[in-house]
Full PDB file with SEQRES, HELIX, SHEET, SSBOND, CRYST1, ORIGX, SCALE, CONECT and MASTER records, all heavy atoms in Angstrom:
SEQRES   1 A   42  PHE LEU ALA ASN PRO ASN ASN PRO THR GLY THR TRP PHE          
SEQRES   2 A   42  GLY LYS ASP ALA LEU ALA ALA PHE LEU ALA ALA VAL PRO          
SEQRES   3 A   42  ALA SER THR ILE VAL VAL LEU ASP GLU ALA TYR CYS GLU          
SEQRES   4 A   42  TYR VAL THR                                                  
HELIX    1 AA1 LYS A   15  ALA A   24  1                                  10    
HELIX    2 AA2 CYS A   38  TYR A   40  5                                   3    
SHEET    1 AA1 2 LEU A   2  ALA A   3  0                                        
SHEET    2 AA1 2 LEU A  33  ASP A  34  1                                        
CRYST1    1.000    1.000    1.000  90.00  90.00  90.00 P 1           1          
ORIGX1      1.000000  0.000000  0.000000        0.00000                         
ORIGX2      0.000000  1.000000  0.000000        0.00000                         
ORIGX3      0.000000  0.000000  1.000000        0.00000                         
SCALE1      1.000000  0.000000  0.000000        0.00000                         
SCALE2      0.000000  1.000000  0.000000        0.00000                         
SCALE3      0.000000  0.000000  1.000000        0.00000                         
ATOM      1  N   PHE A   1       0.846  -1.154  -0.010  1.00  0.00           N  
ATOM      2  CA  PHE A   1      -0.003  -0.047   0.005  1.00  0.00           C  
ATOM      3  C   PHE A   1       0.867   1.274  -0.027  1.00  0.00           C  
ATOM      4  O   PHE A   1       1.778   1.422   0.838  1.00  0.00           O  
ATOM      5  CB  PHE A   1      -0.883   0.054   1.214  1.00  0.00           C  
ATOM      6  CG  PHE A   1      -1.949  -1.001   1.283  1.00  0.00           C  
ATOM      7  CD1 PHE A   1      -1.692  -2.262   1.751  1.00  0.00           C  
ATOM      8  CD2 PHE A   1      -3.238  -0.687   0.843  1.00  0.00           C  
ATOM      9  CE1 PHE A   1      -2.696  -3.223   1.744  1.00  0.00           C  
ATOM     10  CE2 PHE A   1      -4.254  -1.665   0.874  1.00  0.00           C  
ATOM     11  CZ  PHE A   1      -3.975  -2.943   1.337  1.00  0.00           C  
ATOM     12  N   LEU A   2       0.628   2.120  -0.968  1.00  0.00           N  
ATOM     13  CA  LEU A   2       1.314   3.419  -1.024  1.00  0.00           C  
ATOM     14  C   LEU A   2       0.194   4.492  -0.973  1.00  0.00           C  
ATOM     15  O   LEU A   2      -0.876   4.234  -1.534  1.00  0.00           O  
ATOM     16  CB  LEU A   2       2.111   3.599  -2.253  1.00  0.00           C  
ATOM     17  CG  LEU A   2       3.152   2.574  -2.627  1.00  0.00           C  
ATOM     18  CD1 LEU A   2       3.793   2.835  -3.974  1.00  0.00           C  
ATOM     19  CD2 LEU A   2       4.191   2.435  -1.558  1.00  0.00           C  
ATOM     20  N   ALA A   3       0.476   5.664  -0.379  1.00  0.00           N  
ATOM     21  CA  ALA A   3      -0.449   6.768  -0.419  1.00  0.00           C  
ATOM     22  C   ALA A   3       0.294   7.995  -0.869  1.00  0.00           C  
ATOM     23  O   ALA A   3       1.366   8.326  -0.410  1.00  0.00           O  
ATOM     24  CB  ALA A   3      -1.101   7.001   0.996  1.00  0.00           C  
ATOM     25  N   ASN A   4      -0.274   8.679  -1.908  1.00  0.00           N  
ATOM     26  CA  ASN A   4       0.410   9.811  -2.465  1.00  0.00           C  
ATOM     27  C   ASN A   4      -0.607  10.882  -2.867  1.00  0.00           C  
ATOM     28  O   ASN A   4      -1.350  10.754  -3.871  1.00  0.00           O  
ATOM     29  CB  ASN A   4       1.280   9.373  -3.720  1.00  0.00           C  
ATOM     30  CG  ASN A   4       2.276  10.362  -4.067  1.00  0.00           C  
ATOM     31  OD1 ASN A   4       2.856  11.001  -3.220  1.00  0.00           O  
ATOM     32  ND2 ASN A   4       2.582  10.425  -5.342  1.00  0.00           N  
ATOM     33  N   PRO A   5      -0.723  11.992  -2.076  1.00  0.00           N  
ATOM     34  CA  PRO A   5      -0.048  12.233  -0.839  1.00  0.00           C  
ATOM     35  C   PRO A   5      -0.509  11.314   0.310  1.00  0.00           C  
ATOM     36  O   PRO A   5      -1.504  10.691   0.270  1.00  0.00           O  
ATOM     37  CB  PRO A   5      -0.521  13.726  -0.498  1.00  0.00           C  
ATOM     38  CG  PRO A   5      -1.032  14.233  -1.745  1.00  0.00           C  
ATOM     39  CD  PRO A   5      -1.601  13.079  -2.519  1.00  0.00           C  
ATOM     40  N   ASN A   6       0.363  11.280   1.298  1.00  0.00           N  
ATOM     41  CA  ASN A   6       0.086  10.279   2.447  1.00  0.00           C  
ATOM     42  C   ASN A   6      -0.813  10.988   3.510  1.00  0.00           C  
ATOM     43  O   ASN A   6      -0.641  12.129   3.811  1.00  0.00           O  
ATOM     44  CB  ASN A   6       1.358   9.858   3.092  1.00  0.00           C  
ATOM     45  CG  ASN A   6       1.157   8.869   4.183  1.00  0.00           C  
ATOM     46  OD1 ASN A   6       0.528   7.784   3.924  1.00  0.00           O  
ATOM     47  ND2 ASN A   6       1.640   9.168   5.337  1.00  0.00           N  
ATOM     48  N   ASN A   7      -1.743  10.232   4.012  1.00  0.00           N  
ATOM     49  CA  ASN A   7      -2.575  10.624   5.189  1.00  0.00           C  
ATOM     50  C   ASN A   7      -2.089   9.748   6.329  1.00  0.00           C  
ATOM     51  O   ASN A   7      -2.122   8.534   6.207  1.00  0.00           O  
ATOM     52  CB  ASN A   7      -3.997  10.372   4.847  1.00  0.00           C  
ATOM     53  CG  ASN A   7      -4.917  10.639   5.989  1.00  0.00           C  
ATOM     54  OD1 ASN A   7      -4.578  11.405   6.920  1.00  0.00           O  
ATOM     55  ND2 ASN A   7      -6.029   9.879   6.014  1.00  0.00           N  
ATOM     56  N   PRO A   8      -1.633  10.306   7.424  1.00  0.00           N  
ATOM     57  CA  PRO A   8      -1.918  11.669   7.978  1.00  0.00           C  
ATOM     58  C   PRO A   8      -0.780  12.717   7.771  1.00  0.00           C  
ATOM     59  O   PRO A   8      -0.921  13.755   8.293  1.00  0.00           O  
ATOM     60  CB  PRO A   8      -2.154  11.436   9.426  1.00  0.00           C  
ATOM     61  CG  PRO A   8      -1.145  10.301   9.786  1.00  0.00           C  
ATOM     62  CD  PRO A   8      -1.157   9.442   8.545  1.00  0.00           C  
ATOM     63  N   THR A   9       0.281  12.367   7.150  1.00  0.00           N  
ATOM     64  CA  THR A   9       1.483  13.320   7.176  1.00  0.00           C  
ATOM     65  C   THR A   9       1.406  14.371   6.078  1.00  0.00           C  
ATOM     66  O   THR A   9       2.009  15.417   6.270  1.00  0.00           O  
ATOM     67  CB  THR A   9       2.800  12.534   6.999  1.00  0.00           C  
ATOM     68  OG1 THR A   9       2.802  11.851   5.701  1.00  0.00           O  
ATOM     69  CG2 THR A   9       2.985  11.489   8.117  1.00  0.00           C  
ATOM     70  N   GLY A  10       0.745  14.124   4.949  1.00  0.00           N  
ATOM     71  CA  GLY A  10       0.689  15.075   3.861  1.00  0.00           C  
ATOM     72  C   GLY A  10       1.827  15.026   2.920  1.00  0.00           C  
ATOM     73  O   GLY A  10       1.902  15.698   1.856  1.00  0.00           O  
ATOM     74  N   THR A  11       2.846  14.180   3.206  1.00  0.00           N  
ATOM     75  CA  THR A  11       4.045  14.090   2.382  1.00  0.00           C  
ATOM     76  C   THR A  11       3.728  13.355   1.054  1.00  0.00           C  
ATOM     77  O   THR A  11       2.704  12.605   0.954  1.00  0.00           O  
ATOM     78  CB  THR A  11       5.150  13.283   3.138  1.00  0.00           C  
ATOM     79  OG1 THR A  11       4.670  12.072   3.636  1.00  0.00           O  
ATOM     80  CG2 THR A  11       5.628  14.136   4.317  1.00  0.00           C  
ATOM     81  N   TRP A  12       4.598  13.456   0.054  1.00  0.00           N  
ATOM     82  CA  TRP A  12       4.335  12.949  -1.238  1.00  0.00           C  
ATOM     83  C   TRP A  12       5.649  12.597  -1.965  1.00  0.00           C  
ATOM     84  O   TRP A  12       6.694  12.960  -1.503  1.00  0.00           O  
ATOM     85  CB  TRP A  12       3.510  13.888  -2.128  1.00  0.00           C  
ATOM     86  CG  TRP A  12       4.246  15.227  -2.422  1.00  0.00           C  
ATOM     87  CD1 TRP A  12       4.448  16.251  -1.572  1.00  0.00           C  
ATOM     88  CD2 TRP A  12       4.991  15.521  -3.589  1.00  0.00           C  
ATOM     89  NE1 TRP A  12       5.240  17.197  -2.190  1.00  0.00           N  
ATOM     90  CE2 TRP A  12       5.552  16.823  -3.438  1.00  0.00           C  
ATOM     91  CE3 TRP A  12       5.144  14.887  -4.801  1.00  0.00           C  
ATOM     92  CZ2 TRP A  12       6.308  17.429  -4.410  1.00  0.00           C  
ATOM     93  CZ3 TRP A  12       5.896  15.495  -5.825  1.00  0.00           C  
ATOM     94  CH2 TRP A  12       6.436  16.814  -5.614  1.00  0.00           C  
ATOM     95  N   PHE A  13       5.559  11.741  -2.951  1.00  0.00           N  
ATOM     96  CA  PHE A  13       6.676  11.427  -3.758  1.00  0.00           C  
ATOM     97  C   PHE A  13       6.505  11.676  -5.199  1.00  0.00           C  
ATOM     98  O   PHE A  13       5.352  11.749  -5.671  1.00  0.00           O  
ATOM     99  CB  PHE A  13       7.158   9.920  -3.545  1.00  0.00           C  
ATOM    100  CG  PHE A  13       6.020   8.910  -3.624  1.00  0.00           C  
ATOM    101  CD1 PHE A  13       5.595   8.422  -4.885  1.00  0.00           C  
ATOM    102  CD2 PHE A  13       5.348   8.414  -2.487  1.00  0.00           C  
ATOM    103  CE1 PHE A  13       4.568   7.541  -5.000  1.00  0.00           C  
ATOM    104  CE2 PHE A  13       4.305   7.537  -2.567  1.00  0.00           C  
ATOM    105  CZ  PHE A  13       3.922   7.026  -3.871  1.00  0.00           C  
ATOM    106  N   GLY A  14       7.599  11.804  -5.974  1.00  0.00           N  
ATOM    107  CA  GLY A  14       7.487  12.216  -7.370  1.00  0.00           C  
ATOM    108  C   GLY A  14       7.501  11.095  -8.393  1.00  0.00           C  
ATOM    109  O   GLY A  14       7.459   9.928  -8.059  1.00  0.00           O  
ATOM    110  N   LYS A  15       7.538  11.513  -9.634  1.00  0.00           N  
ATOM    111  CA  LYS A  15       7.373  10.538 -10.792  1.00  0.00           C  
ATOM    112  C   LYS A  15       8.518   9.559 -10.808  1.00  0.00           C  
ATOM    113  O   LYS A  15       8.319   8.325 -10.967  1.00  0.00           O  
ATOM    114  CB  LYS A  15       7.349  11.357 -12.060  1.00  0.00           C  
ATOM    115  CG  LYS A  15       6.148  12.240 -12.207  1.00  0.00           C  
ATOM    116  CD  LYS A  15       6.181  13.085 -13.490  1.00  0.00           C  
ATOM    117  CE  LYS A  15       5.029  14.064 -13.587  1.00  0.00           C  
ATOM    118  NZ  LYS A  15       5.074  14.937 -14.764  1.00  0.00           N  
ATOM    119  N   ASP A  16       9.792  10.016 -10.722  1.00  0.00           N  
ATOM    120  CA  ASP A  16      10.908   9.111 -10.817  1.00  0.00           C  
ATOM    121  C   ASP A  16      10.870   8.063  -9.664  1.00  0.00           C  
ATOM    122  O   ASP A  16      11.191   6.893  -9.854  1.00  0.00           O  
ATOM    123  CB  ASP A  16      12.245   9.881 -10.817  1.00  0.00           C  
ATOM    124  CG  ASP A  16      12.501  10.620 -12.036  1.00  0.00           C  
ATOM    125  OD1 ASP A  16      11.779  10.384 -13.008  1.00  0.00           O  
ATOM    126  OD2 ASP A  16      13.349  11.484 -12.022  1.00  0.00           O  
ATOM    127  N   ALA A  17      10.495   8.486  -8.444  1.00  0.00           N  
ATOM    128  CA  ALA A  17      10.452   7.563  -7.313  1.00  0.00           C  
ATOM    129  C   ALA A  17       9.413   6.512  -7.522  1.00  0.00           C  
ATOM    130  O   ALA A  17       9.660   5.334  -7.172  1.00  0.00           O  
ATOM    131  CB  ALA A  17      10.195   8.321  -6.028  1.00  0.00           C  
ATOM    132  N   LEU A  18       8.287   6.910  -8.027  1.00  0.00           N  
ATOM    133  CA  LEU A  18       7.184   5.904  -8.293  1.00  0.00           C  
ATOM    134  C   LEU A  18       7.628   4.936  -9.348  1.00  0.00           C  
ATOM    135  O   LEU A  18       7.466   3.750  -9.266  1.00  0.00           O  
ATOM    136  CB  LEU A  18       5.907   6.601  -8.631  1.00  0.00           C  
ATOM    137  CG  LEU A  18       4.748   5.638  -8.968  1.00  0.00           C  
ATOM    138  CD1 LEU A  18       4.376   4.698  -7.800  1.00  0.00           C  
ATOM    139  CD2 LEU A  18       3.492   6.415  -9.379  1.00  0.00           C  
ATOM    140  N   ALA A  19       8.148   5.460 -10.471  1.00  0.00           N  
ATOM    141  CA  ALA A  19       8.617   4.679 -11.571  1.00  0.00           C  
ATOM    142  C   ALA A  19       9.604   3.624 -11.085  1.00  0.00           C  
ATOM    143  O   ALA A  19       9.548   2.376 -11.464  1.00  0.00           O  
ATOM    144  CB  ALA A  19       9.132   5.455 -12.723  1.00  0.00           C  
ATOM    145  N   ALA A  20      10.549   4.042 -10.274  1.00  0.00           N  
ATOM    146  CA  ALA A  20      11.625   3.135  -9.841  1.00  0.00           C  
ATOM    147  C   ALA A  20      11.040   2.084  -8.962  1.00  0.00           C  
ATOM    148  O   ALA A  20      11.404   0.858  -8.979  1.00  0.00           O  
ATOM    149  CB  ALA A  20      12.679   3.914  -9.128  1.00  0.00           C  
ATOM    150  N   PHE A  21      10.080   2.459  -8.085  1.00  0.00           N  
ATOM    151  CA  PHE A  21       9.499   1.497  -7.174  1.00  0.00           C  
ATOM    152  C   PHE A  21       8.719   0.451  -7.961  1.00  0.00           C  
ATOM    153  O   PHE A  21       8.823  -0.775  -7.738  1.00  0.00           O  
ATOM    154  CB  PHE A  21       8.549   2.221  -6.186  1.00  0.00           C  
ATOM    155  CG  PHE A  21       7.851   1.239  -5.215  1.00  0.00           C  
ATOM    156  CD1 PHE A  21       8.514   0.787  -4.130  1.00  0.00           C  
ATOM    157  CD2 PHE A  21       6.616   0.819  -5.493  1.00  0.00           C  
ATOM    158  CE1 PHE A  21       7.946  -0.142  -3.251  1.00  0.00           C  
ATOM    159  CE2 PHE A  21       5.973  -0.115  -4.607  1.00  0.00           C  
ATOM    160  CZ  PHE A  21       6.614  -0.610  -3.501  1.00  0.00           C  
ATOM    161  N   LEU A  22       7.851   0.852  -8.910  1.00  0.00           N  
ATOM    162  CA  LEU A  22       7.086  -0.056  -9.683  1.00  0.00           C  
ATOM    163  C   LEU A  22       7.957  -1.002 -10.476  1.00  0.00           C  
ATOM    164  O   LEU A  22       7.656  -2.215 -10.626  1.00  0.00           O  
ATOM    165  CB  LEU A  22       6.167   0.657 -10.590  1.00  0.00           C  
ATOM    166  CG  LEU A  22       5.083   1.460  -9.897  1.00  0.00           C  
ATOM    167  CD1 LEU A  22       4.260   2.279 -10.939  1.00  0.00           C  
ATOM    168  CD2 LEU A  22       4.073   0.511  -9.206  1.00  0.00           C  
ATOM    169  N   ALA A  23       9.123  -0.521 -10.953  1.00  0.00           N  
ATOM    170  CA  ALA A  23      10.067  -1.380 -11.665  1.00  0.00           C  
ATOM    171  C   ALA A  23      10.691  -2.422 -10.800  1.00  0.00           C  
ATOM    172  O   ALA A  23      11.073  -3.509 -11.252  1.00  0.00           O  
ATOM    173  CB  ALA A  23      11.097  -0.532 -12.365  1.00  0.00           C  
ATOM    174  N   ALA A  24      10.803  -2.099  -9.523  1.00  0.00           N  
ATOM    175  CA  ALA A  24      11.474  -3.010  -8.611  1.00  0.00           C  
ATOM    176  C   ALA A  24      10.620  -4.105  -8.001  1.00  0.00           C  
ATOM    177  O   ALA A  24      11.089  -5.107  -7.462  1.00  0.00           O  
ATOM    178  CB  ALA A  24      12.133  -2.156  -7.471  1.00  0.00           C  
ATOM    179  N   VAL A  25       9.291  -3.909  -8.108  1.00  0.00           N  
ATOM    180  CA  VAL A  25       8.370  -4.819  -7.486  1.00  0.00           C  
ATOM    181  C   VAL A  25       7.941  -5.949  -8.448  1.00  0.00           C  
ATOM    182  O   VAL A  25       7.608  -5.644  -9.628  1.00  0.00           O  
ATOM    183  CB  VAL A  25       7.145  -4.023  -6.969  1.00  0.00           C  
ATOM    184  CG1 VAL A  25       6.016  -5.027  -6.506  1.00  0.00           C  
ATOM    185  CG2 VAL A  25       7.489  -3.033  -5.929  1.00  0.00           C  
ATOM    186  N   PRO A  26       8.025  -7.127  -8.042  1.00  0.00           N  
ATOM    187  CA  PRO A  26       7.605  -8.299  -8.998  1.00  0.00           C  
ATOM    188  C   PRO A  26       6.130  -8.157  -9.332  1.00  0.00           C  
ATOM    189  O   PRO A  26       5.301  -7.646  -8.615  1.00  0.00           O  
ATOM    190  CB  PRO A  26       7.858  -9.489  -8.182  1.00  0.00           C  
ATOM    191  CG  PRO A  26       7.885  -9.123  -6.753  1.00  0.00           C  
ATOM    192  CD  PRO A  26       8.409  -7.680  -6.772  1.00  0.00           C  
ATOM    193  N   ALA A  27       5.849  -8.668 -10.543  1.00  0.00           N  
ATOM    194  CA  ALA A  27       4.419  -8.574 -11.117  1.00  0.00           C  
ATOM    195  C   ALA A  27       3.500  -9.381 -10.243  1.00  0.00           C  
ATOM    196  O   ALA A  27       2.222  -9.155 -10.345  1.00  0.00           O  
ATOM    197  CB  ALA A  27       4.461  -9.151 -12.512  1.00  0.00           C  
ATOM    198  N   SER A  28       3.971 -10.303  -9.430  1.00  0.00           N  
ATOM    199  CA  SER A  28       3.131 -11.106  -8.555  1.00  0.00           C  
ATOM    200  C   SER A  28       2.689 -10.337  -7.322  1.00  0.00           C  
ATOM    201  O   SER A  28       1.826 -10.851  -6.512  1.00  0.00           O  
ATOM    202  CB  SER A  28       3.844 -12.407  -8.171  1.00  0.00           C  
ATOM    203  OG  SER A  28       5.013 -12.082  -7.496  1.00  0.00           O  
ATOM    204  N   THR A  29       3.187  -9.186  -7.084  1.00  0.00           N  
ATOM    205  CA  THR A  29       2.817  -8.277  -5.910  1.00  0.00           C  
ATOM    206  C   THR A  29       1.879  -7.192  -6.331  1.00  0.00           C  
ATOM    207  O   THR A  29       2.257  -6.416  -7.224  1.00  0.00           O  
ATOM    208  CB  THR A  29       4.024  -7.752  -5.247  1.00  0.00           C  
ATOM    209  OG1 THR A  29       4.952  -8.824  -4.744  1.00  0.00           O  
ATOM    210  CG2 THR A  29       3.688  -6.891  -3.993  1.00  0.00           C  
ATOM    211  N   ILE A  30       0.695  -7.123  -5.730  1.00  0.00           N  
ATOM    212  CA  ILE A  30      -0.179  -6.042  -6.040  1.00  0.00           C  
ATOM    213  C   ILE A  30       0.263  -4.766  -5.307  1.00  0.00           C  
ATOM    214  O   ILE A  30       0.575  -4.728  -4.180  1.00  0.00           O  
ATOM    215  CB  ILE A  30      -1.664  -6.351  -5.548  1.00  0.00           C  
ATOM    216  CG1 ILE A  30      -2.248  -7.613  -6.220  1.00  0.00           C  
ATOM    217  CG2 ILE A  30      -2.570  -5.188  -5.739  1.00  0.00           C  
ATOM    218  CD1 ILE A  30      -2.480  -7.461  -7.709  1.00  0.00           C  
ATOM    219  N   VAL A  31       0.333  -3.665  -6.135  1.00  0.00           N  
ATOM    220  CA  VAL A  31       0.701  -2.330  -5.576  1.00  0.00           C  
ATOM    221  C   VAL A  31      -0.616  -1.492  -5.612  1.00  0.00           C  
ATOM    222  O   VAL A  31      -1.157  -1.201  -6.655  1.00  0.00           O  
ATOM    223  CB  VAL A  31       1.724  -1.643  -6.416  1.00  0.00           C  
ATOM    224  CG1 VAL A  31       2.009  -0.220  -5.875  1.00  0.00           C  
ATOM    225  CG2 VAL A  31       3.027  -2.490  -6.471  1.00  0.00           C  
ATOM    226  N   VAL A  32      -1.025  -1.124  -4.407  1.00  0.00           N  
ATOM    227  CA  VAL A  32      -2.235  -0.284  -4.211  1.00  0.00           C  
ATOM    228  C   VAL A  32      -1.782   1.128  -3.970  1.00  0.00           C  
ATOM    229  O   VAL A  32      -1.140   1.444  -2.966  1.00  0.00           O  
ATOM    230  CB  VAL A  32      -3.094  -0.787  -3.048  1.00  0.00           C  
ATOM    231  CG1 VAL A  32      -4.356   0.092  -2.881  1.00  0.00           C  
ATOM    232  CG2 VAL A  32      -3.425  -2.233  -3.180  1.00  0.00           C  
ATOM    233  N   LEU A  33      -2.062   2.030  -4.945  1.00  0.00           N  
ATOM    234  CA  LEU A  33      -1.659   3.427  -4.870  1.00  0.00           C  
ATOM    235  C   LEU A  33      -2.883   4.278  -4.562  1.00  0.00           C  
ATOM    236  O   LEU A  33      -3.776   4.485  -5.390  1.00  0.00           O  
ATOM    237  CB  LEU A  33      -1.040   3.874  -6.264  1.00  0.00           C  
ATOM    238  CG  LEU A  33      -0.590   5.302  -6.352  1.00  0.00           C  
ATOM    239  CD1 LEU A  33       0.461   5.645  -5.311  1.00  0.00           C  
ATOM    240  CD2 LEU A  33      -0.115   5.541  -7.765  1.00  0.00           C  
ATOM    241  N   ASP A  34      -2.947   4.802  -3.350  1.00  0.00           N  
ATOM    242  CA  ASP A  34      -4.083   5.526  -2.836  1.00  0.00           C  
ATOM    243  C   ASP A  34      -3.840   6.989  -3.169  1.00  0.00           C  
ATOM    244  O   ASP A  34      -2.943   7.631  -2.623  1.00  0.00           O  
ATOM    245  CB  ASP A  34      -4.190   5.312  -1.302  1.00  0.00           C  
ATOM    246  CG  ASP A  34      -5.446   5.954  -0.775  1.00  0.00           C  
ATOM    247  OD1 ASP A  34      -6.069   6.756  -1.383  1.00  0.00           O  
ATOM    248  OD2 ASP A  34      -5.765   5.638   0.442  1.00  0.00           O  
ATOM    249  N   GLU A  35      -4.672   7.567  -4.059  1.00  0.00           N  
ATOM    250  CA  GLU A  35      -4.539   8.971  -4.429  1.00  0.00           C  
ATOM    251  C   GLU A  35      -5.749   9.781  -4.010  1.00  0.00           C  
ATOM    252  O   GLU A  35      -6.327  10.606  -4.817  1.00  0.00           O  
ATOM    253  CB  GLU A  35      -4.355   9.020  -5.968  1.00  0.00           C  
ATOM    254  CG  GLU A  35      -3.044   8.384  -6.447  1.00  0.00           C  
ATOM    255  CD  GLU A  35      -2.788   8.485  -7.939  1.00  0.00           C  
ATOM    256  OE1 GLU A  35      -3.818   8.667  -8.685  1.00  0.00           O  
ATOM    257  OE2 GLU A  35      -1.608   8.495  -8.286  1.00  0.00           O  
ATOM    258  N   ALA A  36      -6.242   9.580  -2.825  1.00  0.00           N  
ATOM    259  CA  ALA A  36      -7.416  10.252  -2.340  1.00  0.00           C  
ATOM    260  C   ALA A  36      -7.329  11.764  -2.449  1.00  0.00           C  
ATOM    261  O   ALA A  36      -8.343  12.458  -2.674  1.00  0.00           O  
ATOM    262  CB  ALA A  36      -7.686   9.838  -0.888  1.00  0.00           C  
ATOM    263  N   TYR A  37      -6.144  12.302  -2.326  1.00  0.00           N  
ATOM    264  CA  TYR A  37      -5.951  13.762  -2.301  1.00  0.00           C  
ATOM    265  C   TYR A  37      -5.327  14.330  -3.555  1.00  0.00           C  
ATOM    266  O   TYR A  37      -4.861  15.442  -3.597  1.00  0.00           O  
ATOM    267  CB  TYR A  37      -5.064  14.150  -1.072  1.00  0.00           C  
ATOM    268  CG  TYR A  37      -5.701  13.724   0.213  1.00  0.00           C  
ATOM    269  CD1 TYR A  37      -5.389  12.502   0.805  1.00  0.00           C  
ATOM    270  CD2 TYR A  37      -6.633  14.549   0.845  1.00  0.00           C  
ATOM    271  CE1 TYR A  37      -5.983  12.095   1.996  1.00  0.00           C  
ATOM    272  CE2 TYR A  37      -7.198  14.138   2.082  1.00  0.00           C  
ATOM    273  CZ  TYR A  37      -6.899  12.883   2.618  1.00  0.00           C  
ATOM    274  OH  TYR A  37      -7.482  12.492   3.760  1.00  0.00           O  
ATOM    275  N   CYS A  38      -5.293  13.482  -4.613  1.00  0.00           N  
ATOM    276  CA  CYS A  38      -4.497  13.881  -5.832  1.00  0.00           C  
ATOM    277  C   CYS A  38      -4.951  15.183  -6.458  1.00  0.00           C  
ATOM    278  O   CYS A  38      -4.212  15.934  -6.936  1.00  0.00           O  
ATOM    279  CB  CYS A  38      -4.557  12.733  -6.863  1.00  0.00           C  
ATOM    280  SG  CYS A  38      -6.209  12.340  -7.556  1.00  0.00           S  
ATOM    281  N   GLU A  39      -6.275  15.461  -6.423  1.00  0.00           N  
ATOM    282  CA  GLU A  39      -6.747  16.626  -7.074  1.00  0.00           C  
ATOM    283  C   GLU A  39      -6.306  17.915  -6.355  1.00  0.00           C  
ATOM    284  O   GLU A  39      -6.452  19.006  -6.975  1.00  0.00           O  
ATOM    285  CB  GLU A  39      -8.328  16.622  -7.124  1.00  0.00           C  
ATOM    286  CG  GLU A  39      -8.883  15.573  -8.071  1.00  0.00           C  
ATOM    287  CD  GLU A  39      -9.278  14.296  -7.391  1.00  0.00           C  
ATOM    288  OE1 GLU A  39      -8.845  14.111  -6.209  1.00  0.00           O  
ATOM    289  OE2 GLU A  39      -9.917  13.453  -8.031  1.00  0.00           O  
ATOM    290  N   TYR A  40      -5.853  17.833  -5.150  1.00  0.00           N  
ATOM    291  CA  TYR A  40      -5.379  19.015  -4.399  1.00  0.00           C  
ATOM    292  C   TYR A  40      -3.890  19.315  -4.746  1.00  0.00           C  
ATOM    293  O   TYR A  40      -3.448  20.428  -4.453  1.00  0.00           O  
ATOM    294  CB  TYR A  40      -5.468  18.765  -2.908  1.00  0.00           C  
ATOM    295  CG  TYR A  40      -6.867  18.995  -2.352  1.00  0.00           C  
ATOM    296  CD1 TYR A  40      -7.530  17.927  -1.843  1.00  0.00           C  
ATOM    297  CD2 TYR A  40      -7.408  20.244  -2.338  1.00  0.00           C  
ATOM    298  CE1 TYR A  40      -8.828  18.162  -1.254  1.00  0.00           C  
ATOM    299  CE2 TYR A  40      -8.705  20.498  -1.815  1.00  0.00           C  
ATOM    300  CZ  TYR A  40      -9.399  19.422  -1.312  1.00  0.00           C  
ATOM    301  OH  TYR A  40     -10.614  19.595  -0.745  1.00  0.00           O  
ATOM    302  N   VAL A  41      -3.176  18.362  -5.383  1.00  0.00           N  
ATOM    303  CA  VAL A  41      -1.734  18.504  -5.546  1.00  0.00           C  
ATOM    304  C   VAL A  41      -1.439  19.570  -6.621  1.00  0.00           C  
ATOM    305  O   VAL A  41      -2.070  19.535  -7.699  1.00  0.00           O  
ATOM    306  CB  VAL A  41      -1.131  17.185  -5.887  1.00  0.00           C  
ATOM    307  CG1 VAL A  41       0.432  17.384  -6.092  1.00  0.00           C  
ATOM    308  CG2 VAL A  41      -1.385  16.156  -4.823  1.00  0.00           C  
ATOM    309  N   THR A  42      -0.519  20.440  -6.379  1.00  0.00           N  
ATOM    310  CA  THR A  42      -0.117  21.476  -7.372  1.00  0.00           C  
ATOM    311  C   THR A  42       1.322  21.277  -7.835  1.00  0.00           C  
ATOM    312  O   THR A  42       1.759  21.997  -8.781  1.00  0.00           O  
ATOM    313  CB  THR A  42      -0.269  22.902  -6.737  1.00  0.00           C  
ATOM    314  OG1 THR A  42       0.552  23.014  -5.600  1.00  0.00           O  
ATOM    315  CG2 THR A  42      -1.718  23.138  -6.435  1.00  0.00           C  
TER     316      THR A  42                                                      
MASTER        0    0    0    2    2    0    0    6  315    1    0    4          
END                                                                             
């Protein structure tokens, strides 16, 4: 489980960090990316 931005801290990660993480995770592992606050991000 990833949250971007994260609740309750508000912190976030960028495009390169997400791309690298997804490339490192095997296809047999489900990655849940929670973007509940994405529309607020500038």
